Amino acid sequence: MLFKWHKNIKISHFTSLKYINLLNEKNIQISMDGKGRALDNIIIERFWRNIKYEVYLKEYETPRETRKNIRDYIDFYNHKRPHQSLNYKTPVSIYFG
């Protein structure tokens, strides 16, 4: 499978000229986080932080219980939890109007 774009982080083998030339030869668009772009991942980083504190740090009896709790939390996060960054609206209310 050939991808049309490539998202990478600044690790030396991903930023080497040989690697970049290979991507360019295949017409793959390169997306690298640059200086001053600290906000690029803030939303997903906050989501994973919330998952960690609301779900991950709890004890579960079974994998099924773990999956259910994660699904329930994601439903709560998207449908019921007001987000300050969204003027205290839910993501679903913003996305679907």
PDB file of N, CA and C in Angstrom:
ATOM      1  N   MET A   1       0.851  -1.174   0.000  1.00  0.00           N
ATOM      2  CA  MET A   1       0.000   0.000   0.000  1.00  0.00           C
ATOM      3  C   MET A   1       0.897   1.238   0.000  1.00  0.00           C
ATOM      4  N   LEU A   2       0.590   2.168  -0.844  1.00  0.00           N
ATOM      5  CA  LEU A   2       1.359   3.406  -0.936  1.00  0.00           C
ATOM      6  C   LEU A   2       0.534   4.540  -0.340  1.00  0.00           C
ATOM      7  N   PHE A   3       1.108   5.228   0.617  1.00  0.00           N
ATOM      8  CA  PHE A   3       0.418   6.332   1.269  1.00  0.00           C
ATOM      9  C   PHE A   3       0.688   7.630   0.531  1.00  0.00           C
ATOM     10  N   LYS A   4      -0.274   8.538   0.570  1.00  0.00           N
ATOM     11  CA  LYS A   4      -0.120   9.829  -0.095  1.00  0.00           C
ATOM     12  C   LYS A   4       0.563  10.849   0.798  1.00  0.00           C
ATOM     13  N   TRP A   5       0.626  10.573   2.099  1.00  0.00           N
ATOM     14  CA  TRP A   5       1.290  11.489   3.017  1.00  0.00           C
ATOM     15  C   TRP A   5       1.953  10.666   4.106  1.00  0.00           C
ATOM     16  N   HIS A   6       2.869  11.287   4.805  1.00  0.00           N
ATOM     17  CA  HIS A   6       3.602  10.607   5.866  1.00  0.00           C
ATOM     18  C   HIS A   6       3.763  11.568   7.024  1.00  0.00           C
ATOM     19  N   LYS A   7       3.224  11.219   8.174  1.00  0.00           N
ATOM     20  CA  LYS A   7       3.356  12.032   9.388  1.00  0.00           C
ATOM     21  C   LYS A   7       4.474  11.423  10.200  1.00  0.00           C
ATOM     22  N   ASN A   8       5.446  12.239  10.560  1.00  0.00           N
ATOM     23  CA  ASN A   8       6.502  11.683  11.395  1.00  0.00           C
ATOM     24  C   ASN A   8       6.899  12.647  12.492  1.00  0.00           C
ATOM     25  N   ILE A   9       7.706  12.141  13.354  1.00  0.00           N
ATOM     26  CA  ILE A   9       8.240  12.947  14.436  1.00  0.00           C
ATOM     27  C   ILE A   9       9.725  13.124  14.189  1.00  0.00           C
ATOM     28  N   LYS A  10      10.326  14.027  14.907  1.00  0.00           N
ATOM     29  CA  LYS A  10      11.723  14.343  14.636  1.00  0.00           C
ATOM     30  C   LYS A  10      12.672  13.357  15.324  1.00  0.00           C
ATOM     31  N   ILE A  11      12.779  12.194  14.736  1.00  0.00           N
ATOM     32  CA  ILE A  11      13.760  11.203  15.151  1.00  0.00           C
ATOM     33  C   ILE A  11      14.735  11.109  13.988  1.00  0.00           C
ATOM     34  N   SER A  12      16.006  10.956  14.275  1.00  0.00           N
ATOM     35  CA  SER A  12      17.038  11.115  13.248  1.00  0.00           C
ATOM     36  C   SER A  12      16.799  10.300  11.986  1.00  0.00           C
ATOM     37  N   HIS A  13      16.372   9.044  12.094  1.00  0.00           N
ATOM     38  CA  HIS A  13      16.196   8.261  10.862  1.00  0.00           C
ATOM     39  C   HIS A  13      15.014   8.754  10.041  1.00  0.00           C
ATOM     40  N   PHE A  14      14.057   9.462  10.660  1.00  0.00           N
ATOM     41  CA  PHE A  14      12.946  10.029   9.903  1.00  0.00           C
ATOM     42  C   PHE A  14      13.302  11.374   9.279  1.00  0.00           C
ATOM     43  N   THR A  15      14.349  12.004   9.759  1.00  0.00           N
ATOM     44  CA  THR A  15      14.719  13.314   9.230  1.00  0.00           C
ATOM     45  C   THR A  15      15.972  13.254   8.363  1.00  0.00           C
ATOM     46  N   SER A  16      16.494  12.054   8.137  1.00  0.00           N
ATOM     47  CA  SER A  16      17.693  11.940   7.308  1.00  0.00           C
ATOM     48  C   SER A  16      17.362  12.312   5.866  1.00  0.00           C
ATOM     49  N   LEU A  17      18.334  12.859   5.185  1.00  0.00           N
ATOM     50  CA  LEU A  17      18.154  13.281   3.800  1.00  0.00           C
ATOM     51  C   LEU A  17      17.778  12.096   2.905  1.00  0.00           C
ATOM     52  N   LYS A  18      18.382  10.947   3.147  1.00  0.00           N
ATOM     53  CA  LYS A  18      18.081   9.754   2.347  1.00  0.00           C
ATOM     54  C   LYS A  18      16.602   9.371   2.489  1.00  0.00           C
ATOM     55  N   TYR A  19      16.092   9.391   3.704  1.00  0.00           N
ATOM     56  CA  TYR A  19      14.695   9.037   3.955  1.00  0.00           C
ATOM     57  C   TYR A  19      13.747  10.065   3.333  1.00  0.00           C
ATOM     58  N   ILE A  20      14.059  11.331   3.514  1.00  0.00           N
ATOM     59  CA  ILE A  20      13.225  12.403   2.955  1.00  0.00           C
ATOM     60  C   ILE A  20      13.213  12.331   1.430  1.00  0.00           C
ATOM     61  N   ASN A  21      14.375  12.069   0.823  1.00  0.00           N
ATOM     62  CA  ASN A  21      14.433  11.935  -0.638  1.00  0.00           C
ATOM     63  C   ASN A  21      13.584  10.766  -1.134  1.00  0.00           C
ATOM     64  N   LEU A  22      13.605   9.660  -0.401  1.00  0.00           N
ATOM     65  CA  LEU A  22      12.792   8.507  -0.771  1.00  0.00           C
ATOM     66  C   LEU A  22      11.304   8.869  -0.765  1.00  0.00           C
ATOM     67  N   LEU A  23      10.856   9.560   0.273  1.00  0.00           N
ATOM     68  CA  LEU A  23       9.454   9.981   0.335  1.00  0.00           C
ATOM     69  C   LEU A  23       9.118  10.934  -0.803  1.00  0.00           C
ATOM     70  N   ASN A  24      10.019  11.871  -1.071  1.00  0.00           N
ATOM     71  CA  ASN A  24       9.792  12.824  -2.167  1.00  0.00           C
ATOM     72  C   ASN A  24       9.717  12.124  -3.520  1.00  0.00           C
ATOM     73  N   GLU A  25      10.579  11.129  -3.745  1.00  0.00           N
ATOM     74  CA  GLU A  25      10.564  10.379  -5.002  1.00  0.00           C
ATOM     75  C   GLU A  25       9.229   9.670  -5.219  1.00  0.00           C
ATOM     76  N   LYS A  26       8.603   9.256  -4.145  1.00  0.00           N
ATOM     77  CA  LYS A  26       7.319   8.551  -4.218  1.00  0.00           C
ATOM     78  C   LYS A  26       6.132   9.514  -4.155  1.00  0.00           C
ATOM     79  N   ASN A  27       6.424  10.825  -4.203  1.00  0.00           N
ATOM     80  CA  ASN A  27       5.382  11.862  -4.117  1.00  0.00           C
ATOM     81  C   ASN A  27       4.536  11.741  -2.856  1.00  0.00           C
ATOM     82  N   ILE A  28       5.202  11.428  -1.766  1.00  0.00           N
ATOM     83  CA  ILE A  28       4.530  11.339  -0.472  1.00  0.00           C
ATOM     84  C   ILE A  28       4.748  12.649   0.263  1.00  0.00           C
ATOM     85  N   GLN A  29       3.647  13.289   0.640  1.00  0.00           N
ATOM     86  CA  GLN A  29       3.731  14.561   1.359  1.00  0.00           C
ATOM     87  C   GLN A  29       4.250  14.302   2.771  1.00  0.00           C
ATOM     88  N   ILE A  30       5.226  15.075   3.191  1.00  0.00           N
ATOM     89  CA  ILE A  30       5.840  14.913   4.502  1.00  0.00           C
ATOM     90  C   ILE A  30       5.255  15.947   5.461  1.00  0.00           C
ATOM     91  N   SER A  31       4.870  15.488   6.628  1.00  0.00           N
ATOM     92  CA  SER A  31       4.351  16.387   7.655  1.00  0.00           C
ATOM     93  C   SER A  31       5.168  16.182   8.916  1.00  0.00           C
ATOM     94  N   MET A  32       5.955  17.177   9.270  1.00  0.00           N
ATOM     95  CA  MET A  32       6.761  17.115  10.487  1.00  0.00           C
ATOM     96  C   MET A  32       6.364  18.245  11.408  1.00  0.00           C
ATOM     97  N   ASP A  33       6.277  17.926  12.681  1.00  0.00           N
ATOM     98  CA  ASP A  33       6.035  18.980  13.656  1.00  0.00           C
ATOM     99  C   ASP A  33       7.247  19.895  13.667  1.00  0.00           C
ATOM    100  N   GLY A  34       6.997  21.171  13.652  1.00  0.00           N
ATOM    101  CA  GLY A  34       8.092  22.122  13.637  1.00  0.00           C
ATOM    102  C   GLY A  34       8.134  22.964  14.890  1.00  0.00           C
ATOM    103  N   LYS A  35       9.132  23.772  14.986  1.00  0.00           N
ATOM    104  CA  LYS A  35       9.280  24.667  16.122  1.00  0.00           C
ATOM    105  C   LYS A  35       8.068  25.596  16.185  1.00  0.00           C
ATOM    106  N   GLY A  36       7.551  25.782  17.401  1.00  0.00           N
ATOM    107  CA  GLY A  36       6.418  26.667  17.583  1.00  0.00           C
ATOM    108  C   GLY A  36       5.077  26.035  17.268  1.00  0.00           C
ATOM    109  N   ARG A  37       5.051  24.715  17.109  1.00  0.00           N
ATOM    110  CA  ARG A  37       3.795  24.032  16.786  1.00  0.00           C
ATOM    111  C   ARG A  37       3.362  23.130  17.932  1.00  0.00           C
ATOM    112  N   ALA A  38       3.535  23.614  19.149  1.00  0.00           N
ATOM    113  CA  ALA A  38       3.245  22.808  20.336  1.00  0.00           C
ATOM    114  C   ALA A  38       1.771  22.462  20.473  1.00  0.00           C
ATOM    115  N   LEU A  39       0.898  23.205  19.828  1.00  0.00           N
ATOM    116  CA  LEU A  39      -0.533  22.969  19.985  1.00  0.00           C
ATOM    117  C   LEU A  39      -1.081  21.933  19.011  1.00  0.00           C
ATOM    118  N   ASP A  40      -0.234  21.401  18.130  1.00  0.00           N
ATOM    119  CA  ASP A  40      -0.701  20.454  17.116  1.00  0.00           C
ATOM    120  C   ASP A  40      -1.466  19.272  17.710  1.00  0.00           C
ATOM    121  N   ASN A  41      -0.978  18.719  18.791  1.00  0.00           N
ATOM    122  CA  ASN A  41      -1.567  17.501  19.343  1.00  0.00           C
ATOM    123  C   ASN A  41      -2.276  17.722  20.670  1.00  0.00           C
ATOM    124  N   ILE A  42      -2.546  18.955  21.030  1.00  0.00           N
ATOM    125  CA  ILE A  42      -3.060  19.233  22.369  1.00  0.00           C
ATOM    126  C   ILE A  42      -4.393  18.554  22.641  1.00  0.00           C
ATOM    127  N   ILE A  43      -5.266  18.486  21.660  1.00  0.00           N
ATOM    128  CA  ILE A  43      -6.592  17.900  21.881  1.00  0.00           C
ATOM    129  C   ILE A  43      -6.487  16.406  22.148  1.00  0.00           C
ATOM    130  N   ILE A  44      -5.753  15.694  21.320  1.00  0.00           N
ATOM    131  CA  ILE A  44      -5.638  14.251  21.527  1.00  0.00           C
ATOM    132  C   ILE A  44      -4.813  13.940  22.767  1.00  0.00           C
ATOM    133  N   GLU A  45      -3.808  14.759  23.065  1.00  0.00           N
ATOM    134  CA  GLU A  45      -3.028  14.554  24.289  1.00  0.00           C
ATOM    135  C   GLU A  45      -3.917  14.707  25.516  1.00  0.00           C
ATOM    136  N   ARG A  46      -4.789  15.686  25.502  1.00  0.00           N
ATOM    137  CA  ARG A  46      -5.720  15.887  26.620  1.00  0.00           C
ATOM    138  C   ARG A  46      -6.685  14.711  26.731  1.00  0.00           C
ATOM    139  N   PHE A  47      -7.163  14.222  25.589  1.00  0.00           N
ATOM    140  CA  PHE A  47      -8.057  13.063  25.601  1.00  0.00           C
ATOM    141  C   PHE A  47      -7.374  11.863  26.251  1.00  0.00           C
ATOM    142  N   TRP A  48      -6.128  11.563  25.834  1.00  0.00           N
ATOM    143  CA  TRP A  48      -5.428  10.405  26.402  1.00  0.00           C
ATOM    144  C   TRP A  48      -5.117  10.610  27.876  1.00  0.00           C
ATOM    145  N   ARG A  49      -4.853  11.842  28.272  1.00  0.00           N
ATOM    146  CA  ARG A  49      -4.653  12.118  29.703  1.00  0.00           C
ATOM    147  C   ARG A  49      -5.933  11.785  30.461  1.00  0.00           C
ATOM    148  N   ASN A  50      -7.069  12.199  29.929  1.00  0.00           N
ATOM    149  CA  ASN A  50      -8.345  11.910  30.579  1.00  0.00           C
ATOM    150  C   ASN A  50      -8.621  10.412  30.632  1.00  0.00           C
ATOM    151  N   ILE A  51      -8.346   9.722  29.549  1.00  0.00           N
ATOM    152  CA  ILE A  51      -8.509   8.262  29.555  1.00  0.00           C
ATOM    153  C   ILE A  51      -7.661   7.659  30.671  1.00  0.00           C
ATOM    154  N   LYS A  52      -6.431   8.119  30.779  1.00  0.00           N
ATOM    155  CA  LYS A  52      -5.528   7.590  31.803  1.00  0.00           C
ATOM    156  C   LYS A  52      -6.110   7.772  33.195  1.00  0.00           C
ATOM    157  N   TYR A  53      -6.558   8.976  33.506  1.00  0.00           N
ATOM    158  CA  TYR A  53      -7.030   9.243  34.862  1.00  0.00           C
ATOM    159  C   TYR A  53      -8.431   8.717  35.133  1.00  0.00           C
ATOM    160  N   GLU A  54      -9.283   8.681  34.149  1.00  0.00           N
ATOM    161  CA  GLU A  54     -10.664   8.255  34.367  1.00  0.00           C
ATOM    162  C   GLU A  54     -10.863   6.752  34.182  1.00  0.00           C
ATOM    163  N   VAL A  55     -10.031   6.129  33.393  1.00  0.00           N
ATOM    164  CA  VAL A  55     -10.249   4.726  33.070  1.00  0.00           C
ATOM    165  C   VAL A  55      -9.048   3.866  33.440  1.00  0.00           C
ATOM    166  N   TYR A  56      -7.897   4.246  32.952  1.00  0.00           N
ATOM    167  CA  TYR A  56      -6.703   3.411  33.055  1.00  0.00           C
ATOM    168  C   TYR A  56      -6.289   3.127  34.491  1.00  0.00           C
ATOM    169  N   LEU A  57      -6.456   4.062  35.389  1.00  0.00           N
ATOM    170  CA  LEU A  57      -5.985   3.884  36.760  1.00  0.00           C
ATOM    171  C   LEU A  57      -6.957   3.102  37.644  1.00  0.00           C
ATOM    172  N   LYS A  58      -8.081   2.663  37.092  1.00  0.00           N
ATOM    173  CA  LYS A  58      -9.031   1.849  37.848  1.00  0.00           C
ATOM    174  C   LYS A  58      -8.655   0.376  37.724  1.00  0.00           C
ATOM    175  N   GLU A  59      -9.147  -0.411  38.655  1.00  0.00           N
ATOM    176  CA  GLU A  59      -8.903  -1.851  38.599  1.00  0.00           C
ATOM    177  C   GLU A  59     -10.106  -2.541  37.978  1.00  0.00           C
ATOM    178  N   TYR A  60      -9.836  -3.522  37.131  1.00  0.00           N
ATOM    179  CA  TYR A  60     -10.893  -4.253  36.446  1.00  0.00           C
ATOM    180  C   TYR A  60     -10.718  -5.738  36.694  1.00  0.00           C
ATOM    181  N   GLU A  61     -11.830  -6.443  36.647  1.00  0.00           N
ATOM    182  CA  GLU A  61     -11.805  -7.892  36.858  1.00  0.00           C
ATOM    183  C   GLU A  61     -11.507  -8.647  35.562  1.00  0.00           C
ATOM    184  N   THR A  62     -11.996  -8.123  34.449  1.00  0.00           N
ATOM    185  CA  THR A  62     -11.859  -8.840  33.175  1.00  0.00           C
ATOM    186  C   THR A  62     -11.550  -7.858  32.043  1.00  0.00           C
ATOM    187  N   PRO A  63     -11.005  -8.360  30.937  1.00  0.00           N
ATOM    188  CA  PRO A  63     -10.814  -7.496  29.762  1.00  0.00           C
ATOM    189  C   PRO A  63     -12.138  -6.933  29.247  1.00  0.00           C
ATOM    190  N   ARG A  64     -13.202  -7.731  29.312  1.00  0.00           N
ATOM    191  CA  ARG A  64     -14.521  -7.263  28.868  1.00  0.00           C
ATOM    192  C   ARG A  64     -14.961  -6.052  29.690  1.00  0.00           C
ATOM    193  N   GLU A  65     -14.779  -6.122  31.001  1.00  0.00           N
ATOM    194  CA  GLU A  65     -15.132  -4.995  31.869  1.00  0.00           C
ATOM    195  C   GLU A  65     -14.294  -3.762  31.516  1.00  0.00           C
ATOM    196  N   THR A  66     -13.027  -3.971  31.215  1.00  0.00           N
ATOM    197  CA  THR A  66     -12.142  -2.866  30.830  1.00  0.00           C
ATOM    198  C   THR A  66     -12.639  -2.203  29.552  1.00  0.00           C
ATOM    199  N   ARG A  67     -12.923  -3.009  28.524  1.00  0.00           N
ATOM    200  CA  ARG A  67     -13.415  -2.458  27.255  1.00  0.00           C
ATOM    201  C   ARG A  67     -14.727  -1.703  27.439  1.00  0.00           C
ATOM    202  N   LYS A  68     -15.627  -2.256  28.248  1.00  0.00           N
ATOM    203  CA  LYS A  68     -16.907  -1.598  28.487  1.00  0.00           C
ATOM    204  C   LYS A  68     -16.702  -0.248  29.167  1.00  0.00           C
ATOM    205  N   ASN A  69     -15.829  -0.209  30.156  1.00  0.00           N
ATOM    206  CA  ASN A  69     -15.581   1.049  30.861  1.00  0.00           C
ATOM    207  C   ASN A  69     -14.962   2.084  29.925  1.00  0.00           C
ATOM    208  N   ILE A  70     -14.062   1.657  29.058  1.00  0.00           N
ATOM    209  CA  ILE A  70     -13.461   2.592  28.099  1.00  0.00           C
ATOM    210  C   ILE A  70     -14.523   3.105  27.126  1.00  0.00           C
ATOM    211  N   ARG A  71     -15.360   2.210  26.603  1.00  0.00           N
ATOM    212  CA  ARG A  71     -16.453   2.644  25.712  1.00  0.00           C
ATOM    213  C   ARG A  71     -17.384   3.617  26.421  1.00  0.00           C
ATOM    214  N   ASP A  72     -17.738   3.305  27.666  1.00  0.00           N
ATOM    215  CA  ASP A  72     -18.625   4.188  28.435  1.00  0.00           C
ATOM    216  C   ASP A  72     -17.990   5.559  28.643  1.00  0.00           C
ATOM    217  N   TYR A  73     -16.685   5.568  28.929  1.00  0.00           N
ATOM    218  CA  TYR A  73     -16.027   6.851  29.149  1.00  0.00           C
ATOM    219  C   TYR A  73     -15.969   7.665  27.850  1.00  0.00           C
ATOM    220  N   ILE A  74     -15.662   7.028  26.744  1.00  0.00           N
ATOM    221  CA  ILE A  74     -15.612   7.746  25.465  1.00  0.00           C
ATOM    222  C   ILE A  74     -16.991   8.302  25.119  1.00  0.00           C
ATOM    223  N   ASP A  75     -18.039   7.530  25.387  1.00  0.00           N
ATOM    224  CA  ASP A  75     -19.397   8.025  25.171  1.00  0.00           C
ATOM    225  C   ASP A  75     -19.667   9.243  26.057  1.00  0.00           C
ATOM    226  N   PHE A  76     -19.311   9.148  27.324  1.00  0.00           N
ATOM    227  CA  PHE A  76     -19.475  10.278  28.241  1.00  0.00           C
ATOM    228  C   PHE A  76     -18.676  11.489  27.758  1.00  0.00           C
ATOM    229  N   TYR A  77     -17.432  11.259  27.379  1.00  0.00           N
ATOM    230  CA  TYR A  77     -16.534  12.334  26.946  1.00  0.00           C
ATOM    231  C   TYR A  77     -17.102  13.077  25.735  1.00  0.00           C
ATOM    232  N   ASN A  78     -17.676  12.356  24.808  1.00  0.00           N
ATOM    233  CA  ASN A  78     -18.185  12.967  23.577  1.00  0.00           C
ATOM    234  C   ASN A  78     -19.612  13.488  23.670  1.00  0.00           C
ATOM    235  N   HIS A  79     -20.453  12.842  24.467  1.00  0.00           N
ATOM    236  CA  HIS A  79     -21.883  13.159  24.480  1.00  0.00           C
ATOM    237  C   HIS A  79     -22.354  13.955  25.695  1.00  0.00           C
ATOM    238  N   LYS A  80     -21.681  13.809  26.826  1.00  0.00           N
ATOM    239  CA  LYS A  80     -22.212  14.400  28.060  1.00  0.00           C
ATOM    240  C   LYS A  80     -21.280  15.389  28.746  1.00  0.00           C
ATOM    241  N   ARG A  81     -19.989  15.224  28.591  1.00  0.00           N
ATOM    242  CA  ARG A  81     -19.017  16.056  29.300  1.00  0.00           C
ATOM    243  C   ARG A  81     -18.828  17.391  28.584  1.00  0.00           C
ATOM    244  N   PRO A  82     -19.168  18.510  29.246  1.00  0.00           N
ATOM    245  CA  PRO A  82     -18.915  19.813  28.619  1.00  0.00           C
ATOM    246  C   PRO A  82     -17.407  20.089  28.569  1.00  0.00           C
ATOM    247  N   HIS A  83     -16.967  20.689  27.479  1.00  0.00           N
ATOM    248  CA  HIS A  83     -15.550  20.989  27.293  1.00  0.00           C
ATOM    249  C   HIS A  83     -15.345  22.502  27.335  1.00  0.00           C
ATOM    250  N   GLN A  84     -14.443  22.924  28.176  1.00  0.00           N
ATOM    251  CA  GLN A  84     -14.156  24.354  28.304  1.00  0.00           C
ATOM    252  C   GLN A  84     -13.744  24.944  26.958  1.00  0.00           C
ATOM    253  N   SER A  85     -12.930  24.216  26.210  1.00  0.00           N
ATOM    254  CA  SER A  85     -12.447  24.722  24.918  1.00  0.00           C
ATOM    255  C   SER A  85     -13.570  24.860  23.887  1.00  0.00           C
ATOM    256  N   LEU A  86     -14.722  24.259  24.162  1.00  0.00           N
ATOM    257  CA  LEU A  86     -15.876  24.334  23.255  1.00  0.00           C
ATOM    258  C   LEU A  86     -16.993  25.183  23.862  1.00  0.00           C
ATOM    259  N   ASN A  87     -16.606  26.137  24.694  1.00  0.00           N
ATOM    260  CA  ASN A  87     -17.591  26.987  25.388  1.00  0.00           C
ATOM    261  C   ASN A  87     -18.594  26.151  26.177  1.00  0.00           C
ATOM    262  N   TYR A  88     -18.070  25.123  26.831  1.00  0.00           N
ATOM    263  CA  TYR A  88     -18.857  24.245  27.706  1.00  0.00           C
ATOM    264  C   TYR A  88     -19.961  23.492  26.966  1.00  0.00           C
ATOM    265  N   LYS A  89     -19.686  23.171  25.712  1.00  0.00           N
ATOM    266  CA  LYS A  89     -20.570  22.309  24.931  1.00  0.00           C
ATOM    267  C   LYS A  89     -19.879  20.959  24.777  1.00  0.00           C
ATOM    268  N   THR A  90     -20.612  19.979  24.313  1.00  0.00           N
ATOM    269  CA  THR A  90     -20.022  18.661  24.085  1.00  0.00           C
ATOM    270  C   THR A  90     -19.494  18.572  22.653  1.00  0.00           C
ATOM    271  N   PRO A  91     -18.518  17.708  22.403  1.00  0.00           N
ATOM    272  CA  PRO A  91     -18.033  17.535  21.031  1.00  0.00           C
ATOM    273  C   PRO A  91     -19.146  17.133  20.059  1.00  0.00           C
ATOM    274  N   VAL A  92     -20.048  16.270  20.494  1.00  0.00           N
ATOM    275  CA  VAL A  92     -21.136  15.839  19.615  1.00  0.00           C
ATOM    276  C   VAL A  92     -22.040  17.007  19.248  1.00  0.00           C
ATOM    277  N   SER A  93     -22.336  17.873  20.210  1.00  0.00           N
ATOM    278  CA  SER A  93     -23.217  19.011  19.903  1.00  0.00           C
ATOM    279  C   SER A  93     -22.551  19.988  18.939  1.00  0.00           C
ATOM    280  N   ILE A  94     -21.243  20.104  19.003  1.00  0.00           N
ATOM    281  CA  ILE A  94     -20.516  20.974  18.069  1.00  0.00           C
ATOM    282  C   ILE A  94     -20.463  20.324  16.685  1.00  0.00           C
ATOM    283  N   TYR A  95     -20.092  19.052  16.644  1.00  0.00           N
ATOM    284  CA  TYR A  95     -19.902  18.364  15.366  1.00  0.00           C
ATOM    285  C   TYR A  95     -21.209  18.197  14.600  1.00  0.00           C
ATOM    286  N   PHE A  96     -22.258  17.803  15.303  1.00  0.00           N
ATOM    287  CA  PHE A  96     -23.534  17.535  14.638  1.00  0.00           C
ATOM    288  C   PHE A  96     -24.512  18.699  14.713  1.00  0.00           C
ATOM    289  N   GLY A  97     -24.130  19.744  15.448  1.00  0.00           N
ATOM    290  CA  GLY A  97     -24.965  20.938  15.529  1.00  0.00           C
ATOM    291  C   GLY A  97     -26.068  20.772  16.472  1.00  0.00           C
TER     292      GLY A  97
END
